[in-house]
Amino acid sequence: MRQLERRFEVRLISAEQLKFWMAYRELSVRELAFKVGCSHSTIGHLRSGARKTCRPELANKIAKALECPKEALFVPTSSIVSRDVAA
Protein backbone atom coordinates (compact mmCIF):
# COMPACT_ATOMS: atom_id res chain seq x y z
CA MET A 1 0.00 0.00 0.00
CA ARG A 2 1.25 3.50 -0.84
CA GLN A 3 0.84 6.41 1.50
CA LEU A 4 1.15 10.05 0.46
CA GLU A 5 2.79 12.50 2.85
CA ARG A 6 3.42 16.20 2.61
CA ARG A 7 7.02 17.23 3.28
CA PHE A 8 7.94 20.78 4.28
CA GLU A 9 11.42 21.91 3.29
CA VAL A 10 13.19 25.09 2.36
CA ARG A 11 14.76 25.71 -1.02
CA LEU A 12 18.07 27.52 -1.44
CA ILE A 13 17.48 30.69 -3.48
CA SER A 14 20.78 30.18 -5.28
CA ALA A 15 24.16 28.60 -4.69
CA GLU A 16 25.68 31.97 -5.59
CA GLN A 17 23.92 33.61 -2.63
CA LEU A 18 25.36 31.00 -0.28
CA LYS A 19 28.83 31.48 -1.80
CA PHE A 20 28.49 35.26 -1.35
CA TRP A 21 27.56 35.01 2.34
CA MET A 22 30.30 32.46 3.02
CA ALA A 23 32.90 34.71 1.36
CA TYR A 24 31.53 37.77 3.18
CA ARG A 25 31.89 35.99 6.55
CA GLU A 26 35.19 34.41 5.42
CA LEU A 27 34.02 30.87 6.14
CA SER A 28 35.12 27.77 4.28
CA VAL A 29 32.80 24.82 3.66
CA ARG A 30 34.34 22.91 6.56
CA GLU A 31 34.19 25.90 8.92
CA LEU A 32 30.52 26.53 8.17
CA ALA A 33 29.71 22.83 8.53
CA PHE A 34 31.43 22.78 11.93
CA LYS A 35 29.48 25.84 13.11
CA VAL A 36 26.20 24.39 11.86
CA GLY A 37 26.86 20.86 13.12
CA CYS A 38 26.46 19.00 9.84
CA SER A 39 28.78 17.26 7.41
CA HIS A 40 30.95 19.32 5.09
CA SER A 41 29.48 17.42 2.15
CA THR A 42 26.01 18.79 2.96
CA ILE A 43 27.31 22.37 2.83
CA GLY A 44 29.42 21.55 -0.22
CA HIS A 45 26.43 20.16 -2.11
CA LEU A 46 24.33 23.24 -1.27
CA ARG A 47 27.18 25.54 -2.26
CA SER A 48 27.77 23.76 -5.59
CA GLY A 49 24.07 23.62 -6.43
CA ALA A 50 23.99 19.81 -6.44
CA ARG A 51 21.50 20.00 -3.58
CA LYS A 52 18.79 22.64 -3.51
CA THR A 53 16.64 21.80 -0.48
CA CYS A 54 17.15 21.09 3.19
CA ARG A 55 15.18 20.83 6.41
CA PRO A 56 14.06 24.12 8.02
CA GLU A 57 16.17 23.40 11.12
CA LEU A 58 19.35 23.21 9.02
CA ALA A 59 18.43 26.39 7.15
CA ASN A 60 17.99 28.21 10.47
CA LYS A 61 21.41 27.05 11.67
CA ILE A 62 23.10 28.06 8.40
CA ALA A 63 21.54 31.53 8.50
CA LYS A 64 22.51 31.96 12.15
CA ALA A 65 26.12 30.86 11.49
CA LEU A 66 26.35 33.30 8.56
CA GLU A 67 24.65 36.05 10.58
CA CYS A 68 22.18 36.75 7.79
CA PRO A 69 18.40 36.66 7.48
CA LYS A 70 17.11 33.20 6.57
CA GLU A 71 15.03 34.83 3.81
CA ALA A 72 18.27 35.99 2.14
CA LEU A 73 19.16 32.35 1.44
CA PHE A 74 16.04 30.19 1.60
CA VAL A 75 12.37 30.14 0.59
CA PRO A 76 9.79 27.71 2.01
CA THR A 77 8.50 24.89 -0.20
CA SER A 78 6.44 21.75 0.22
CA SER A 79 6.24 18.54 -1.75
CA ILE A 80 4.25 15.34 -1.72
CA VAL A 81 6.17 12.13 -1.13
CA SER A 82 4.78 8.63 -1.60
CA ARG A 83 5.97 5.81 0.61
CA ASP A 84 5.34 2.07 0.72
CA VAL A 85 3.83 1.01 4.04
CA ALA A 86 3.03 -2.45 5.31
CA ALA A 87 -0.68 -3.23 5.33
Foldseek 3Di string as FASTA:
>chain_A
DKDKDKDKKKWWPALVLLVVLCVVVVHDLCRLCVQLVHDSVVSVCSNVVVDTIDHPSSLVSSCVSSVHDSVSTIDMDMDMDMDDDDD
